[in-house]
């Protein structure tokens, strides 16, 4: 796992420097935060009114700030996870797949990527150990013909 240690020596300073740069920008931007806070509050009220005026699912889901509630047949402001609709009746950005389906698709992709990463890690682990055994001249092989009790 030398390659993993080498990557950690490279990536750790990069991540720390990015975090420090982000911290410096946040400290210098403190004066304008209160202005943005009030601006966001006013915009949120405007979005609620704007979403409530939309009457169909295609019109509602065109605006990424709105969700369509299938049970109530009403357009609402998108505020995940706080919504009055059931999770499996919320449509966002389309009228075909509900939000539950989108979340399940994302989870399946994450699990598939995790499995792929596991397989690659196991492949590199076995490759490293076979190289280690080959250097010492002994490769472990299981003897299938050996007598033994099960």
N, C-alpha and C. Protein backbone atom coordinates (compact mmCIF):
# COMPACT_ATOMS: atom_id res chain seq x y z
N UNK A 1 0.81 -1.19 0.00
CA UNK A 1 0.00 0.00 0.00
C UNK A 1 0.86 1.26 0.00
N UNK A 2 2.05 1.16 -0.57
CA UNK A 2 2.94 2.31 -0.66
C UNK A 2 2.33 3.41 -1.52
N UNK A 3 1.64 3.02 -2.59
CA UNK A 3 1.05 4.02 -3.48
C UNK A 3 -0.01 4.83 -2.76
N UNK A 4 -0.73 4.18 -1.82
CA UNK A 4 -1.75 4.90 -1.05
C UNK A 4 -1.09 5.93 -0.14
N UNK A 5 0.02 5.56 0.48
CA UNK A 5 0.73 6.48 1.35
C UNK A 5 1.30 7.65 0.53
N UNK A 6 1.79 7.37 -0.65
CA UNK A 6 2.33 8.44 -1.50
C UNK A 6 1.24 9.41 -1.89
N UNK A 7 0.07 8.90 -2.25
CA UNK A 7 -1.04 9.79 -2.60
C UNK A 7 -1.49 10.61 -1.41
N UNK A 8 -1.47 10.01 -0.21
CA UNK A 8 -1.89 10.78 0.96
C UNK A 8 -0.90 11.90 1.26
N UNK A 9 0.38 11.69 0.99
CA UNK A 9 1.36 12.75 1.19
C UNK A 9 1.17 13.89 0.18
N UNK A 10 0.66 13.57 -0.98
CA UNK A 10 0.41 14.60 -1.98
C UNK A 10 -0.90 15.33 -1.73
N UNK A 11 -1.97 14.57 -1.45
CA UNK A 11 -3.31 15.16 -1.38
C UNK A 11 -3.59 15.89 -0.07
N UNK A 12 -2.99 15.46 1.03
CA UNK A 12 -3.26 16.12 2.32
C UNK A 12 -2.88 17.60 2.30
N UNK A 13 -1.70 17.98 1.85
CA UNK A 13 -1.40 19.42 1.78
C UNK A 13 -2.32 20.18 0.82
N UNK A 14 -2.72 19.54 -0.26
CA UNK A 14 -3.63 20.20 -1.20
C UNK A 14 -4.96 20.49 -0.52
N UNK A 15 -5.53 19.50 0.16
CA UNK A 15 -6.81 19.70 0.84
C UNK A 15 -6.70 20.73 1.96
N UNK A 16 -5.61 20.70 2.70
CA UNK A 16 -5.43 21.68 3.78
C UNK A 16 -5.29 23.10 3.23
N UNK A 17 -4.57 23.25 2.12
CA UNK A 17 -4.42 24.59 1.55
C UNK A 17 -5.75 25.09 0.99
N UNK A 18 -6.54 24.22 0.40
CA UNK A 18 -7.86 24.62 -0.09
C UNK A 18 -8.74 25.04 1.08
N UNK A 19 -8.69 24.30 2.19
CA UNK A 19 -9.48 24.66 3.37
C UNK A 19 -9.04 26.01 3.94
N UNK A 20 -7.73 26.28 3.98
CA UNK A 20 -7.25 27.56 4.49
C UNK A 20 -7.66 28.71 3.57
N UNK A 21 -7.59 28.50 2.27
CA UNK A 21 -8.01 29.54 1.33
C UNK A 21 -9.50 29.83 1.51
N UNK A 22 -10.30 28.78 1.67
CA UNK A 22 -11.74 28.95 1.88
C UNK A 22 -11.99 29.72 3.17
N UNK A 23 -11.25 29.42 4.21
CA UNK A 23 -11.41 30.12 5.48
C UNK A 23 -11.06 31.60 5.35
N UNK A 24 -10.00 31.90 4.63
CA UNK A 24 -9.60 33.30 4.43
C UNK A 24 -10.67 34.06 3.66
N UNK A 25 -11.23 33.45 2.62
CA UNK A 25 -12.28 34.11 1.85
C UNK A 25 -13.53 34.32 2.70
N UNK A 26 -13.87 33.36 3.56
CA UNK A 26 -15.05 33.50 4.41
C UNK A 26 -14.86 34.61 5.44
N UNK A 27 -13.65 34.76 5.98
CA UNK A 27 -13.42 35.82 6.96
C UNK A 27 -13.46 37.20 6.31
N UNK A 28 -12.95 37.30 5.09
CA UNK A 28 -12.95 38.60 4.42
C UNK A 28 -14.34 38.97 3.91
N UNK A 29 -15.21 37.99 3.76
CA UNK A 29 -16.54 38.22 3.21
C UNK A 29 -17.60 38.37 4.31
N UNK A 30 -17.20 38.58 5.56
CA UNK A 30 -18.13 38.61 6.69
C UNK A 30 -19.10 39.79 6.62
N UNK A 31 -18.68 40.93 6.11
CA UNK A 31 -19.53 42.12 6.08
C UNK A 31 -20.73 41.95 5.18
N UNK A 32 -20.57 41.24 4.09
CA UNK A 32 -21.66 41.10 3.13
C UNK A 32 -22.59 39.94 3.46
N UNK A 33 -22.28 39.13 4.47
CA UNK A 33 -23.12 37.98 4.80
C UNK A 33 -24.51 38.39 5.27
N UNK A 34 -24.60 39.44 6.09
CA UNK A 34 -25.91 39.85 6.58
C UNK A 34 -26.77 40.36 5.43
N UNK A 35 -26.16 41.06 4.48
CA UNK A 35 -26.88 41.53 3.31
C UNK A 35 -27.43 40.35 2.50
N UNK A 36 -26.61 39.32 2.30
CA UNK A 36 -27.04 38.14 1.55
C UNK A 36 -28.11 37.37 2.30
N UNK A 37 -28.04 37.36 3.62
CA UNK A 37 -29.04 36.65 4.43
C UNK A 37 -30.42 37.25 4.20
N UNK A 38 -30.54 38.55 4.27
CA UNK A 38 -31.83 39.20 4.06
C UNK A 38 -32.29 39.08 2.62
N UNK A 39 -31.35 39.13 1.70
CA UNK A 39 -31.69 38.99 0.29
C UNK A 39 -32.26 37.59 0.03
N UNK A 40 -31.67 36.55 0.64
CA UNK A 40 -32.17 35.18 0.48
C UNK A 40 -33.56 35.03 1.08
N UNK A 41 -33.83 35.68 2.21
CA UNK A 41 -35.16 35.59 2.83
C UNK A 41 -36.23 36.20 1.92
N UNK A 42 -35.93 37.34 1.36
CA UNK A 42 -36.88 38.00 0.45
C UNK A 42 -37.08 37.15 -0.80
N UNK A 43 -36.00 36.60 -1.32
CA UNK A 43 -36.09 35.76 -2.51
C UNK A 43 -36.90 34.50 -2.23
N UNK A 44 -36.77 33.92 -1.03
CA UNK A 44 -37.52 32.71 -0.68
C UNK A 44 -39.01 32.97 -0.68
N UNK A 45 -39.44 34.12 -0.16
CA UNK A 45 -40.86 34.45 -0.18
C UNK A 45 -41.35 34.64 -1.61
N UNK A 46 -40.53 35.24 -2.44
CA UNK A 46 -40.88 35.44 -3.84
C UNK A 46 -41.00 34.10 -4.56
N UNK A 47 -40.10 33.15 -4.27
CA UNK A 47 -40.13 31.84 -4.89
C UNK A 47 -41.39 31.08 -4.48
N UNK A 48 -41.78 31.17 -3.21
CA UNK A 48 -43.00 30.50 -2.75
C UNK A 48 -44.21 30.98 -3.53
N UNK A 49 -44.33 32.29 -3.70
CA UNK A 49 -45.46 32.84 -4.45
C UNK A 49 -45.40 32.42 -5.92
N UNK A 50 -44.20 32.45 -6.48
CA UNK A 50 -44.03 32.10 -7.88
C UNK A 50 -44.37 30.63 -8.14
N UNK A 51 -43.95 29.75 -7.23
CA UNK A 51 -44.25 28.33 -7.39
C UNK A 51 -45.74 28.05 -7.22
N UNK A 52 -46.39 28.74 -6.30
CA UNK A 52 -47.81 28.51 -6.05
C UNK A 52 -48.67 28.88 -7.25
N UNK A 53 -48.19 29.73 -8.13
CA UNK A 53 -48.97 30.14 -9.29
C UNK A 53 -48.96 29.09 -10.40
N UNK A 54 -48.04 28.16 -10.37
CA UNK A 54 -47.93 27.15 -11.42
C UNK A 54 -48.94 26.03 -11.15
N UNK A 55 -49.64 25.60 -12.20
CA UNK A 55 -50.78 24.70 -12.00
C UNK A 55 -50.59 23.29 -12.54
N UNK A 56 -49.56 23.04 -13.33
CA UNK A 56 -49.34 21.69 -13.87
C UNK A 56 -47.92 21.22 -13.56
N UNK A 57 -47.76 19.92 -13.62
CA UNK A 57 -46.44 19.34 -13.30
C UNK A 57 -45.34 19.79 -14.25
N UNK A 58 -45.54 19.75 -15.58
CA UNK A 58 -44.44 20.17 -16.47
C UNK A 58 -44.03 21.63 -16.27
N UNK A 59 -45.00 22.50 -16.04
CA UNK A 59 -44.68 23.91 -15.82
C UNK A 59 -43.95 24.08 -14.49
N UNK A 60 -44.40 23.35 -13.49
CA UNK A 60 -43.79 23.46 -12.15
C UNK A 60 -42.36 22.93 -12.14
N UNK A 61 -42.13 21.79 -12.76
CA UNK A 61 -40.81 21.16 -12.67
C UNK A 61 -39.78 21.79 -13.60
N UNK A 62 -40.20 22.67 -14.49
CA UNK A 62 -39.22 23.41 -15.31
C UNK A 62 -38.38 24.33 -14.44
N UNK A 63 -38.99 24.86 -13.41
CA UNK A 63 -38.28 25.72 -12.46
C UNK A 63 -37.65 24.82 -11.40
N UNK A 64 -36.33 24.81 -11.31
CA UNK A 64 -35.62 23.91 -10.38
C UNK A 64 -35.84 24.27 -8.91
N UNK A 65 -36.42 25.43 -8.65
CA UNK A 65 -36.68 25.84 -7.28
C UNK A 65 -38.02 25.33 -6.77
N UNK A 66 -38.78 24.66 -7.63
CA UNK A 66 -40.13 24.20 -7.27
C UNK A 66 -40.22 22.68 -7.36
N UNK A 67 -41.14 22.10 -6.58
CA UNK A 67 -41.46 20.67 -6.65
C UNK A 67 -42.95 20.52 -6.89
N UNK A 68 -43.33 19.41 -7.51
CA UNK A 68 -44.74 19.11 -7.75
C UNK A 68 -45.15 18.01 -6.79
N UNK A 69 -46.21 18.26 -6.03
CA UNK A 69 -46.74 17.28 -5.09
C UNK A 69 -47.91 16.57 -5.77
N UNK A 70 -47.73 15.27 -6.07
CA UNK A 70 -48.73 14.52 -6.82
C UNK A 70 -50.02 14.35 -6.04
N UNK A 71 -49.94 14.12 -4.73
CA UNK A 71 -51.15 13.89 -3.93
C UNK A 71 -52.05 15.11 -3.88
N UNK A 72 -51.44 16.26 -3.65
CA UNK A 72 -52.22 17.49 -3.52
C UNK A 72 -52.41 18.20 -4.86
N UNK A 73 -51.68 17.75 -5.88
CA UNK A 73 -51.69 18.39 -7.21
C UNK A 73 -51.43 19.89 -7.09
N UNK A 74 -50.33 20.21 -6.40
CA UNK A 74 -49.96 21.61 -6.19
C UNK A 74 -48.45 21.75 -6.32
N UNK A 75 -48.02 22.92 -6.76
CA UNK A 75 -46.61 23.24 -6.91
C UNK A 75 -46.15 23.98 -5.65
N UNK A 76 -45.02 23.54 -5.09
CA UNK A 76 -44.50 24.14 -3.86
C UNK A 76 -43.03 24.49 -4.03
N UNK A 77 -42.55 25.33 -3.13
CA UNK A 77 -41.13 25.68 -3.11
C UNK A 77 -40.32 24.46 -2.66
N UNK A 78 -39.22 24.20 -3.37
CA UNK A 78 -38.35 23.07 -3.05
C UNK A 78 -37.54 23.39 -1.82
N UNK A 79 -37.78 22.65 -0.75
CA UNK A 79 -37.03 22.83 0.50
C UNK A 79 -36.80 21.44 1.09
N UNK A 80 -35.79 20.75 0.56
CA UNK A 80 -35.49 19.39 1.02
C UNK A 80 -34.87 19.45 2.39
N UNK A 81 -35.18 18.65 3.31
CA UNK A 81 -36.14 17.57 3.45
C UNK A 81 -37.47 18.03 4.06
N UNK A 82 -37.66 19.33 4.21
CA UNK A 82 -38.88 19.82 4.83
C UNK A 82 -39.94 20.13 3.78
N UNK A 83 -40.80 19.17 3.53
CA UNK A 83 -41.92 19.43 2.62
C UNK A 83 -43.15 18.73 3.19
N UNK A 84 -44.30 19.22 2.80
CA UNK A 84 -45.55 18.67 3.33
C UNK A 84 -45.99 17.42 2.58
N UNK A 85 -45.36 17.11 1.47
CA UNK A 85 -45.74 15.95 0.65
C UNK A 85 -45.01 14.70 1.13
N UNK A 86 -45.60 13.55 0.78
CA UNK A 86 -44.90 12.30 1.02
C UNK A 86 -43.70 12.22 0.08
N UNK A 87 -42.67 11.54 0.52
CA UNK A 87 -41.41 11.49 -0.23
C UNK A 87 -41.58 10.82 -1.59
N UNK A 88 -42.49 9.85 -1.68
CA UNK A 88 -42.66 9.15 -2.95
C UNK A 88 -43.68 9.83 -3.87
N UNK A 89 -44.17 11.01 -3.50
CA UNK A 89 -45.08 11.73 -4.40
C UNK A 89 -44.53 13.10 -4.78
N UNK A 90 -43.24 13.31 -4.55
CA UNK A 90 -42.60 14.58 -4.91
C UNK A 90 -41.90 14.41 -6.26
N UNK A 91 -42.17 15.32 -7.17
CA UNK A 91 -41.50 15.32 -8.47
C UNK A 91 -40.67 16.58 -8.57
N UNK A 92 -39.39 16.41 -8.91
CA UNK A 92 -38.48 17.55 -9.05
C UNK A 92 -37.72 17.40 -10.36
N UNK A 93 -37.74 18.43 -11.16
CA UNK A 93 -37.02 18.51 -12.43
C UNK A 93 -37.56 17.59 -13.52
N UNK A 94 -38.57 16.77 -13.22
CA UNK A 94 -39.24 15.96 -14.24
C UNK A 94 -40.57 15.48 -13.68
N UNK A 95 -41.42 14.97 -14.56
CA UNK A 95 -42.73 14.46 -14.12
C UNK A 95 -42.82 12.95 -14.26
N UNK A 96 -41.73 12.29 -14.57
CA UNK A 96 -41.75 10.84 -14.77
C UNK A 96 -41.21 10.06 -13.58
N UNK A 97 -40.13 10.52 -12.99
CA UNK A 97 -39.50 9.82 -11.87
C UNK A 97 -39.63 10.69 -10.62
N UNK A 98 -40.22 10.12 -9.57
CA UNK A 98 -40.38 10.90 -8.34
C UNK A 98 -39.04 11.01 -7.59
N UNK A 99 -39.03 11.81 -6.56
CA UNK A 99 -37.79 12.08 -5.82
C UNK A 99 -37.25 10.81 -5.16
N UNK A 100 -38.14 9.93 -4.72
CA UNK A 100 -37.71 8.66 -4.13
C UNK A 100 -36.93 7.83 -5.16
N UNK A 101 -37.43 7.80 -6.40
CA UNK A 101 -36.73 7.08 -7.46
C UNK A 101 -35.37 7.69 -7.77
N UNK A 102 -35.29 9.01 -7.77
CA UNK A 102 -34.01 9.68 -8.02
C UNK A 102 -33.01 9.35 -6.92
N UNK A 103 -33.47 9.38 -5.66
CA UNK A 103 -32.58 9.05 -4.54
C UNK A 103 -32.13 7.60 -4.62
N UNK A 104 -33.03 6.69 -4.98
CA UNK A 104 -32.66 5.28 -5.11
C UNK A 104 -31.64 5.09 -6.24
N UNK A 105 -31.81 5.79 -7.36
CA UNK A 105 -30.84 5.69 -8.45
C UNK A 105 -29.46 6.19 -8.00
N UNK A 106 -29.44 7.28 -7.25
CA UNK A 106 -28.17 7.81 -6.75
C UNK A 106 -27.51 6.81 -5.80
N UNK A 107 -28.31 6.19 -4.92
CA UNK A 107 -27.75 5.20 -3.99
C UNK A 107 -27.21 3.98 -4.74
N UNK A 108 -27.90 3.54 -5.79
CA UNK A 108 -27.41 2.40 -6.57
C UNK A 108 -26.09 2.74 -7.25
N UNK A 109 -25.98 3.95 -7.78
CA UNK A 109 -24.72 4.36 -8.42
C UNK A 109 -23.59 4.41 -7.39
N UNK A 110 -23.88 4.94 -6.20
CA UNK A 110 -22.86 5.01 -5.14
C UNK A 110 -22.43 3.61 -4.73
N UNK A 111 -23.39 2.68 -4.57
CA UNK A 111 -23.04 1.31 -4.20
C UNK A 111 -22.23 0.62 -5.31
N UNK A 112 -22.58 0.87 -6.56
CA UNK A 112 -21.82 0.28 -7.67
C UNK A 112 -20.39 0.81 -7.70
N UNK A 113 -20.24 2.12 -7.47
CA UNK A 113 -18.88 2.70 -7.43
C UNK A 113 -18.08 2.15 -6.24
N UNK A 114 -18.74 1.98 -5.10
CA UNK A 114 -18.06 1.42 -3.93
C UNK A 114 -17.61 -0.01 -4.21
N UNK A 115 -18.46 -0.80 -4.86
CA UNK A 115 -18.09 -2.17 -5.20
C UNK A 115 -16.93 -2.21 -6.18
N UNK A 116 -16.98 -1.32 -7.16
CA UNK A 116 -15.88 -1.23 -8.13
C UNK A 116 -14.57 -0.85 -7.43
N UNK A 117 -14.63 0.11 -6.51
CA UNK A 117 -13.45 0.51 -5.76
C UNK A 117 -12.92 -0.66 -4.93
N UNK A 118 -13.83 -1.41 -4.30
CA UNK A 118 -13.43 -2.57 -3.51
C UNK A 118 -12.72 -3.60 -4.38
N UNK A 119 -13.27 -3.87 -5.56
CA UNK A 119 -12.65 -4.84 -6.46
C UNK A 119 -11.26 -4.38 -6.91
N UNK A 120 -11.12 -3.10 -7.21
CA UNK A 120 -9.80 -2.58 -7.61
C UNK A 120 -8.81 -2.65 -6.46
N UNK A 121 -9.26 -2.31 -5.26
CA UNK A 121 -8.37 -2.37 -4.09
C UNK A 121 -7.93 -3.82 -3.85
N UNK A 122 -8.86 -4.77 -3.98
CA UNK A 122 -8.51 -6.18 -3.79
C UNK A 122 -7.54 -6.65 -4.87
N UNK A 123 -7.74 -6.20 -6.11
CA UNK A 123 -6.85 -6.57 -7.21
C UNK A 123 -5.43 -6.08 -6.93
N UNK A 124 -5.30 -4.80 -6.53
CA UNK A 124 -3.97 -4.27 -6.25
C UNK A 124 -3.35 -4.92 -5.01
N UNK A 125 -4.16 -5.26 -4.03
CA UNK A 125 -3.68 -5.95 -2.84
C UNK A 125 -3.12 -7.32 -3.22
N UNK A 126 -3.86 -8.07 -4.03
CA UNK A 126 -3.40 -9.40 -4.43
C UNK A 126 -2.17 -9.31 -5.33
N UNK A 127 -2.14 -8.29 -6.18
CA UNK A 127 -0.98 -8.11 -7.05
C UNK A 127 0.28 -7.84 -6.23
N UNK A 128 0.14 -7.03 -5.19
CA UNK A 128 1.28 -6.71 -4.34
C UNK A 128 1.73 -7.94 -3.56
N UNK A 129 0.79 -8.73 -3.04
CA UNK A 129 1.17 -9.92 -2.28
C UNK A 129 1.77 -11.01 -3.16
N UNK A 130 1.29 -11.17 -4.38
CA UNK A 130 1.87 -12.16 -5.28
C UNK A 130 3.29 -11.75 -5.65
N UNK A 131 3.53 -10.47 -5.81
CA UNK A 131 4.89 -10.01 -6.09
C UNK A 131 5.79 -10.27 -4.89
N UNK A 132 5.28 -10.11 -3.69
CA UNK A 132 6.05 -10.37 -2.47
C UNK A 132 6.39 -11.84 -2.36
N UNK A 133 5.42 -12.72 -2.63
CA UNK A 133 5.68 -14.16 -2.57
C UNK A 133 6.65 -14.58 -3.67
N UNK A 134 6.55 -13.98 -4.84
CA UNK A 134 7.44 -14.35 -5.95
C UNK A 134 8.89 -13.97 -5.64
N UNK A 135 9.07 -12.86 -4.91
CA UNK A 135 10.43 -12.45 -4.54
C UNK A 135 11.09 -13.46 -3.60
N UNK A 136 10.29 -14.06 -2.72
CA UNK A 136 10.85 -15.01 -1.76
C UNK A 136 10.89 -16.43 -2.32
N UNK A 137 10.37 -16.63 -3.52
CA UNK A 137 10.46 -17.93 -4.16
C UNK A 137 9.40 -18.91 -3.74
N UNK A 138 8.44 -18.50 -2.98
CA UNK A 138 7.39 -19.43 -2.56
C UNK A 138 6.02 -18.79 -2.83
N UNK A 139 5.26 -19.46 -3.65
CA UNK A 139 3.92 -19.00 -3.97
C UNK A 139 2.95 -19.93 -3.26
N UNK A 140 2.06 -19.38 -2.43
CA UNK A 140 1.14 -20.26 -1.70
C UNK A 140 0.11 -20.87 -2.66
N UNK A 141 0.05 -22.21 -2.64
CA UNK A 141 -0.89 -22.94 -3.49
C UNK A 141 -1.62 -23.92 -2.60
N UNK A 142 -2.92 -24.01 -2.78
CA UNK A 142 -3.71 -24.95 -1.98
C UNK A 142 -3.65 -26.32 -2.62
N UNK A 143 -3.37 -27.35 -1.84
CA UNK A 143 -3.29 -28.71 -2.32
C UNK A 143 -4.66 -29.36 -2.19
N UNK A 144 -5.34 -29.54 -3.32
CA UNK A 144 -6.69 -30.09 -3.31
C UNK A 144 -6.69 -31.59 -3.07
N UNK A 145 -5.57 -32.25 -3.30
CA UNK A 145 -5.52 -33.73 -3.16
C UNK A 145 -5.07 -34.16 -1.77
N UNK A 146 -4.83 -33.22 -0.90
CA UNK A 146 -4.37 -33.58 0.45
C UNK A 146 -5.50 -34.23 1.23
N UNK A 147 -5.18 -35.32 1.96
CA UNK A 147 -6.22 -35.98 2.75
C UNK A 147 -6.56 -35.10 3.96
N UNK A 148 -7.80 -35.16 4.38
CA UNK A 148 -8.22 -34.40 5.55
C UNK A 148 -9.68 -34.61 5.84
N UNK A 149 -10.05 -34.37 7.07
CA UNK A 149 -11.45 -34.50 7.48
C UNK A 149 -12.17 -33.17 7.31
N UNK A 150 -13.39 -33.28 6.89
CA UNK A 150 -14.20 -32.07 6.77
C UNK A 150 -15.11 -32.00 7.93
